[in-house]
N, C-alpha and C. Protein backbone atom coordinates (compact mmCIF):
# COMPACT_ATOMS: atom_id res chain seq x y z
N MET A 1 9.13 -12.95 -10.40
CA MET A 1 9.83 -11.85 -9.78
C MET A 1 8.88 -11.15 -8.82
N SER A 2 9.36 -10.85 -7.64
CA SER A 2 8.53 -10.16 -6.65
C SER A 2 9.06 -8.74 -6.47
N TRP A 3 8.16 -7.78 -6.44
CA TRP A 3 8.53 -6.38 -6.25
C TRP A 3 7.42 -5.68 -5.52
N TRP A 4 7.76 -4.58 -4.86
CA TRP A 4 6.73 -3.79 -4.20
C TRP A 4 7.19 -2.35 -4.06
N ILE A 5 6.19 -1.52 -3.83
CA ILE A 5 6.38 -0.12 -3.49
C ILE A 5 5.83 0.02 -2.08
N GLU A 6 6.50 0.79 -1.23
CA GLU A 6 5.97 1.04 0.12
C GLU A 6 6.00 2.54 0.38
N VAL A 7 4.87 3.05 0.84
CA VAL A 7 4.74 4.46 1.18
C VAL A 7 4.21 4.53 2.61
N VAL A 8 4.78 5.42 3.43
CA VAL A 8 4.37 5.56 4.83
C VAL A 8 3.68 6.92 5.01
N PHE A 9 2.56 6.90 5.74
CA PHE A 9 1.77 8.10 5.99
C PHE A 9 1.51 8.24 7.48
N ASN A 10 1.36 9.49 7.92
CA ASN A 10 0.81 9.78 9.24
C ASN A 10 -0.64 10.14 8.97
N VAL A 11 -1.54 9.24 9.32
CA VAL A 11 -2.97 9.41 9.04
C VAL A 11 -3.65 9.90 10.31
N PHE A 12 -3.73 11.22 10.45
CA PHE A 12 -4.35 11.84 11.62
C PHE A 12 -3.78 11.30 12.92
N GLY A 13 -2.45 11.14 12.96
CA GLY A 13 -1.77 10.70 14.17
C GLY A 13 -1.45 9.22 14.21
N GLN A 14 -1.98 8.43 13.30
CA GLN A 14 -1.71 6.99 13.24
C GLN A 14 -0.74 6.73 12.09
N LEU A 15 0.40 6.13 12.40
CA LEU A 15 1.37 5.79 11.36
C LEU A 15 0.85 4.58 10.59
N MET A 16 0.77 4.71 9.26
CA MET A 16 0.26 3.64 8.40
C MET A 16 1.16 3.52 7.18
N SER A 17 1.25 2.32 6.65
CA SER A 17 2.00 2.12 5.42
C SER A 17 1.10 1.45 4.39
N VAL A 18 1.41 1.74 3.14
CA VAL A 18 0.69 1.14 2.03
C VAL A 18 1.73 0.47 1.14
N ARG A 19 1.51 -0.79 0.85
CA ARG A 19 2.41 -1.54 -0.02
C ARG A 19 1.68 -1.92 -1.30
N ARG A 20 2.40 -1.80 -2.39
CA ARG A 20 1.88 -2.28 -3.67
C ARG A 20 2.67 -3.55 -3.98
N ILE A 21 1.98 -4.66 -3.95
CA ILE A 21 2.60 -5.95 -4.25
C ILE A 21 1.92 -6.47 -5.50
N GLY A 22 2.66 -6.49 -6.60
CA GLY A 22 2.07 -6.86 -7.88
C GLY A 22 1.03 -5.82 -8.27
N ASP A 23 -0.21 -6.26 -8.42
CA ASP A 23 -1.30 -5.36 -8.81
C ASP A 23 -2.18 -4.95 -7.64
N GLU A 24 -1.79 -5.29 -6.42
CA GLU A 24 -2.65 -5.06 -5.25
C GLU A 24 -2.01 -4.09 -4.27
N TRP A 25 -2.82 -3.14 -3.76
CA TRP A 25 -2.42 -2.27 -2.66
C TRP A 25 -2.81 -2.95 -1.36
N GLN A 26 -1.93 -2.93 -0.37
CA GLN A 26 -2.20 -3.47 0.96
C GLN A 26 -1.92 -2.38 1.99
N LEU A 27 -2.84 -2.21 2.94
CA LEU A 27 -2.74 -1.18 3.97
C LEU A 27 -2.37 -1.82 5.30
N PHE A 28 -1.46 -1.16 6.04
CA PHE A 28 -1.00 -1.66 7.34
C PHE A 28 -0.97 -0.54 8.36
N LYS A 29 -1.27 -0.87 9.62
CA LYS A 29 -1.03 0.04 10.75
C LYS A 29 0.36 -0.29 11.27
N GLU A 30 1.14 0.75 11.52
CA GLU A 30 2.49 0.59 12.05
C GLU A 30 2.48 0.92 13.54
N SER A 31 3.46 0.40 14.26
CA SER A 31 3.56 0.69 15.69
C SER A 31 4.98 1.10 16.02
N PRO A 32 5.17 1.75 17.17
CA PRO A 32 6.52 2.15 17.59
C PRO A 32 7.45 0.96 17.80
N THR A 33 6.90 -0.23 17.98
CA THR A 33 7.72 -1.42 18.21
C THR A 33 7.99 -2.18 16.91
N ALA A 34 7.70 -1.56 15.78
CA ALA A 34 7.93 -2.13 14.45
C ALA A 34 6.99 -3.30 14.14
N MET A 35 5.91 -3.41 14.90
CA MET A 35 4.89 -4.42 14.59
C MET A 35 3.97 -3.84 13.52
N ARG A 36 3.67 -4.61 12.53
CA ARG A 36 2.82 -4.17 11.42
C ARG A 36 1.59 -5.07 11.41
N VAL A 37 0.42 -4.42 11.35
CA VAL A 37 -0.84 -5.15 11.33
C VAL A 37 -1.58 -4.77 10.05
N ARG A 38 -1.95 -5.76 9.28
CA ARG A 38 -2.67 -5.51 8.03
C ARG A 38 -4.08 -5.05 8.33
N VAL A 39 -4.55 -4.05 7.58
CA VAL A 39 -5.91 -3.53 7.69
C VAL A 39 -6.71 -4.14 6.54
N TYR A 40 -7.62 -5.04 6.87
CA TYR A 40 -8.43 -5.71 5.86
C TYR A 40 -9.75 -4.98 5.58
N ASP A 41 -10.14 -4.07 6.49
CA ASP A 41 -11.42 -3.38 6.36
C ASP A 41 -11.41 -2.28 5.31
N VAL A 42 -10.23 -1.85 4.88
CA VAL A 42 -10.12 -0.80 3.87
C VAL A 42 -9.51 -1.42 2.61
N VAL A 43 -10.22 -1.30 1.52
CA VAL A 43 -9.73 -1.81 0.24
C VAL A 43 -9.33 -0.62 -0.62
N ILE A 44 -8.09 -0.60 -1.04
CA ILE A 44 -7.60 0.45 -1.92
C ILE A 44 -7.73 -0.07 -3.35
N PRO A 45 -8.46 0.64 -4.21
CA PRO A 45 -8.65 0.16 -5.58
C PRO A 45 -7.31 -0.07 -6.29
N ASN A 46 -7.20 -1.18 -6.98
CA ASN A 46 -5.96 -1.54 -7.66
C ASN A 46 -5.51 -0.49 -8.67
N GLU A 47 -6.46 0.21 -9.31
CA GLU A 47 -6.12 1.19 -10.34
C GLU A 47 -5.64 2.52 -9.76
N MET A 48 -5.70 2.67 -8.43
CA MET A 48 -5.26 3.92 -7.81
C MET A 48 -3.75 4.06 -7.95
N THR A 49 -3.29 5.30 -8.18
CA THR A 49 -1.86 5.55 -8.29
C THR A 49 -1.28 5.94 -6.94
N GLU A 50 0.02 5.85 -6.83
CA GLU A 50 0.72 6.22 -5.59
C GLU A 50 0.42 7.66 -5.19
N ASN A 51 0.30 8.55 -6.17
CA ASN A 51 0.04 9.96 -5.88
C ASN A 51 -1.36 10.21 -5.34
N GLU A 52 -2.28 9.28 -5.51
CA GLU A 52 -3.66 9.44 -5.04
C GLU A 52 -3.88 8.89 -3.63
N LEU A 53 -2.90 8.19 -3.08
CA LEU A 53 -3.08 7.52 -1.78
C LEU A 53 -3.35 8.49 -0.64
N LEU A 54 -2.64 9.59 -0.57
CA LEU A 54 -2.80 10.55 0.53
C LEU A 54 -4.24 11.05 0.60
N THR A 55 -4.78 11.46 -0.52
CA THR A 55 -6.16 11.96 -0.57
C THR A 55 -7.15 10.85 -0.21
N TYR A 56 -6.91 9.65 -0.72
CA TYR A 56 -7.80 8.52 -0.45
C TYR A 56 -7.83 8.19 1.04
N LEU A 57 -6.67 8.12 1.67
CA LEU A 57 -6.62 7.83 3.11
C LEU A 57 -7.29 8.94 3.91
N GLY A 58 -7.13 10.18 3.48
CA GLY A 58 -7.81 11.29 4.14
C GLY A 58 -9.32 11.16 4.05
N ASP A 59 -9.82 10.75 2.89
CA ASP A 59 -11.26 10.55 2.70
C ASP A 59 -11.78 9.41 3.57
N ILE A 60 -11.03 8.33 3.63
CA ILE A 60 -11.47 7.15 4.38
C ILE A 60 -11.44 7.40 5.90
N TYR A 61 -10.40 8.05 6.37
CA TYR A 61 -10.18 8.20 7.82
C TYR A 61 -10.48 9.60 8.34
N HIS A 62 -11.22 10.43 7.62
CA HIS A 62 -11.44 11.83 8.03
C HIS A 62 -12.09 11.96 9.40
N GLU A 63 -12.81 10.94 9.86
CA GLU A 63 -13.44 11.01 11.20
C GLU A 63 -12.41 11.06 12.31
N HIS A 64 -11.17 10.65 12.02
CA HIS A 64 -10.11 10.62 13.02
C HIS A 64 -9.34 11.93 13.12
N ALA A 65 -9.68 12.88 12.27
CA ALA A 65 -9.00 14.19 12.32
C ALA A 65 -9.30 14.88 13.65
N ASN A 66 -8.31 15.58 14.17
CA ASN A 66 -8.49 16.30 15.43
C ASN A 66 -7.57 17.51 15.42
N ALA A 67 -7.65 18.32 16.45
CA ALA A 67 -6.87 19.55 16.51
C ALA A 67 -5.36 19.27 16.47
N ALA A 68 -4.93 18.21 17.10
CA ALA A 68 -3.51 17.88 17.12
C ALA A 68 -3.03 17.28 15.80
N HIS A 69 -3.92 16.60 15.09
CA HIS A 69 -3.57 15.93 13.83
C HIS A 69 -4.66 16.19 12.79
N PRO A 70 -4.65 17.38 12.19
CA PRO A 70 -5.72 17.74 11.26
C PRO A 70 -5.52 17.27 9.82
N HIS A 71 -4.35 16.64 9.52
CA HIS A 71 -4.04 16.29 8.14
C HIS A 71 -3.45 14.88 8.03
N VAL A 72 -3.48 14.36 6.82
CA VAL A 72 -2.72 13.16 6.47
C VAL A 72 -1.41 13.66 5.86
N LEU A 73 -0.30 13.14 6.33
CA LEU A 73 1.01 13.56 5.85
C LEU A 73 1.79 12.36 5.32
N ARG A 74 2.47 12.55 4.21
CA ARG A 74 3.35 11.50 3.71
C ARG A 74 4.66 11.56 4.49
N VAL A 75 5.06 10.44 5.05
CA VAL A 75 6.29 10.36 5.85
C VAL A 75 7.46 9.92 4.97
N SER A 76 7.22 8.92 4.13
CA SER A 76 8.27 8.45 3.20
C SER A 76 7.65 7.79 2.00
């Protein structure tokens, strides 16, 4: 049986999604044209919960914060 959870975030202005497939979290950059690109450089620990993702992405990508986009926001 295949199942997943998908959560979408605005990470300092960049739309990103996180999918949980089985026991693994996978991170993707989203685009306005619905193209999704997997981010292999960031590994989300398998034991992390869905509620911890926002803080984790903020910690990883904090260098991208700016006046227009000072926060990570959950979109869906």
